[in-house]
Amino acid sequence: MKSLALSVIILGVVLIVAGLILFFYNKIPFIGRLPGDIRITGENSSFYFPITSCIIISIILSLLLSFIGKFFK
């Protein structure tokens, strides 16, 4: 039962951090504006895919989750 409680607490902290990131997304200077982010603008449309930002966020989340996973073993 303790591991379930710890999991719910960690999930809550992760959701709070994700909410804060979404709330302050415009004030974080580097997310979405890194070299390698794809931006194509036409006359009537535009396409934007932040591939470099996605890779960096994925690396950070992988390291964070592996660090958290060590506490459950």
C-alpha atoms as a PDB file:
ATOM      1  CA  MET A   1       0.000   0.000   0.000  1.00  0.00           C
ATOM      2  CA  LYS A   2       2.947   2.338   0.627  1.00  0.00           C
ATOM      3  CA  SER A   3       4.166   1.994  -2.950  1.00  0.00           C
ATOM      4  CA  LEU A   4       0.721   2.954  -4.276  1.00  0.00           C
ATOM      5  CA  ALA A   5       0.651   6.035  -2.052  1.00  0.00           C
ATOM      6  CA  LEU A   6       4.147   7.005  -3.182  1.00  0.00           C
ATOM      7  CA  SER A   7       3.137   6.531  -6.811  1.00  0.00           C
ATOM      8  CA  VAL A   8       0.129   8.817  -6.395  1.00  0.00           C
ATOM      9  CA  ILE A   9       2.276  11.475  -4.711  1.00  0.00           C
ATOM     10  CA  ILE A  10       4.874  11.351  -7.483  1.00  0.00           C
ATOM     11  CA  LEU A  11       2.148  11.495 -10.128  1.00  0.00           C
ATOM     12  CA  GLY A  12       0.707  14.554  -8.418  1.00  0.00           C
ATOM     13  CA  VAL A  13       4.074  16.298  -8.354  1.00  0.00           C
ATOM     14  CA  VAL A  14       4.641  15.496 -12.029  1.00  0.00           C
ATOM     15  CA  LEU A  15       1.211  16.883 -12.938  1.00  0.00           C
ATOM     16  CA  ILE A  16       1.863  20.070 -10.974  1.00  0.00           C
ATOM     17  CA  VAL A  17       5.217  20.566 -12.707  1.00  0.00           C
ATOM     18  CA  ALA A  18       3.628  19.903 -16.121  1.00  0.00           C
ATOM     19  CA  GLY A  19       0.879  22.406 -15.326  1.00  0.00           C
ATOM     20  CA  LEU A  20       3.407  25.049 -14.324  1.00  0.00           C
ATOM     21  CA  ILE A  21       5.384  24.475 -17.513  1.00  0.00           C
ATOM     22  CA  LEU A  22       2.232  24.868 -19.593  1.00  0.00           C
ATOM     23  CA  PHE A  23       1.211  27.972 -17.650  1.00  0.00           C
ATOM     24  CA  PHE A  24       4.606  29.665 -18.091  1.00  0.00           C
ATOM     25  CA  TYR A  25       5.294  28.225 -21.570  1.00  0.00           C
ATOM     26  CA  ASN A  26       5.585  31.643 -23.245  1.00  0.00           C
ATOM     27  CA  LYS A  27       8.052  32.875 -20.621  1.00  0.00           C
ATOM     28  CA  ILE A  28      10.474  29.950 -21.074  1.00  0.00           C
ATOM     29  CA  PRO A  29      12.828  31.400 -23.690  1.00  0.00           C
ATOM     30  CA  PHE A  30      14.295  28.319 -25.322  1.00  0.00           C
ATOM     31  CA  ILE A  31      11.410  25.846 -25.715  1.00  0.00           C
ATOM     32  CA  GLY A  32      10.192  25.815 -29.294  1.00  0.00           C
ATOM     33  CA  ARG A  33      12.846  28.174 -30.608  1.00  0.00           C
ATOM     34  CA  LEU A  34      15.900  25.936 -30.774  1.00  0.00           C
ATOM     35  CA  PRO A  35      18.004  25.340 -33.874  1.00  0.00           C
ATOM     36  CA  GLY A  36      16.604  22.279 -35.609  1.00  0.00           C
ATOM     37  CA  ASP A  37      12.968  23.080 -34.916  1.00  0.00           C
ATOM     38  CA  ILE A  38      11.138  22.875 -38.233  1.00  0.00           C
ATOM     39  CA  ARG A  39       9.112  25.924 -39.276  1.00  0.00           C
ATOM     40  CA  ILE A  40       7.602  26.180 -42.760  1.00  0.00           C
ATOM     41  CA  THR A  41       5.445  29.181 -43.584  1.00  0.00           C
ATOM     42  CA  GLY A  42       3.433  29.482 -46.788  1.00  0.00           C
ATOM     43  CA  GLU A  43       1.018  32.097 -48.054  1.00  0.00           C
ATOM     44  CA  ASN A  44      -2.085  30.606 -46.442  1.00  0.00           C
ATOM     45  CA  SER A  45      -0.688  28.083 -44.019  1.00  0.00           C
ATOM     46  CA  SER A  46       2.160  27.344 -41.697  1.00  0.00           C
ATOM     47  CA  PHE A  47       3.669  24.173 -40.287  1.00  0.00           C
ATOM     48  CA  TYR A  48       5.708  23.999 -37.113  1.00  0.00           C
ATOM     49  CA  PHE A  49       7.313  20.944 -35.548  1.00  0.00           C
ATOM     50  CA  PRO A  50       9.709  21.497 -32.613  1.00  0.00           C
ATOM     51  CA  ILE A  51      11.797  18.344 -33.158  1.00  0.00           C
ATOM     52  CA  THR A  52      14.870  19.546 -31.243  1.00  0.00           C
ATOM     53  CA  SER A  53      12.748  20.705 -28.324  1.00  0.00           C
ATOM     54  CA  CYS A  54      10.957  17.319 -28.302  1.00  0.00           C
ATOM     55  CA  ILE A  55      14.278  15.458 -28.216  1.00  0.00           C
ATOM     56  CA  ILE A  56      15.609  17.558 -25.327  1.00  0.00           C
ATOM     57  CA  ILE A  57      12.371  17.197 -23.345  1.00  0.00           C
ATOM     58  CA  SER A  58      12.440  13.438 -23.993  1.00  0.00           C
ATOM     59  CA  ILE A  59      16.004  13.152 -22.691  1.00  0.00           C
ATOM     60  CA  ILE A  60      15.164  15.166 -19.571  1.00  0.00           C
ATOM     61  CA  LEU A  61      12.037  13.084 -18.869  1.00  0.00           C
ATOM     62  CA  SER A  62      13.944   9.820 -19.433  1.00  0.00           C
ATOM     63  CA  LEU A  63      16.634  10.831 -16.957  1.00  0.00           C
ATOM     64  CA  LEU A  64      14.037  12.007 -14.442  1.00  0.00           C
ATOM     65  CA  LEU A  65      11.973   8.831 -14.696  1.00  0.00           C
ATOM     66  CA  SER A  66      15.027   6.576 -14.439  1.00  0.00           C
ATOM     67  CA  PHE A  67      16.070   8.502 -11.328  1.00  0.00           C
ATOM     68  CA  ILE A  68      12.584   8.124  -9.836  1.00  0.00           C
ATOM     69  CA  GLY A  69      12.491   4.451 -10.845  1.00  0.00           C
ATOM     70  CA  LYS A  70      15.549   3.729  -8.700  1.00  0.00           C
ATOM     71  CA  PHE A  71      13.524   4.562  -5.591  1.00  0.00           C
ATOM     72  CA  PHE A  72      10.998   1.797  -6.312  1.00  0.00           C
ATOM     73  CA  LYS A  73      13.567  -1.004  -6.481  1.00  0.00           C
END
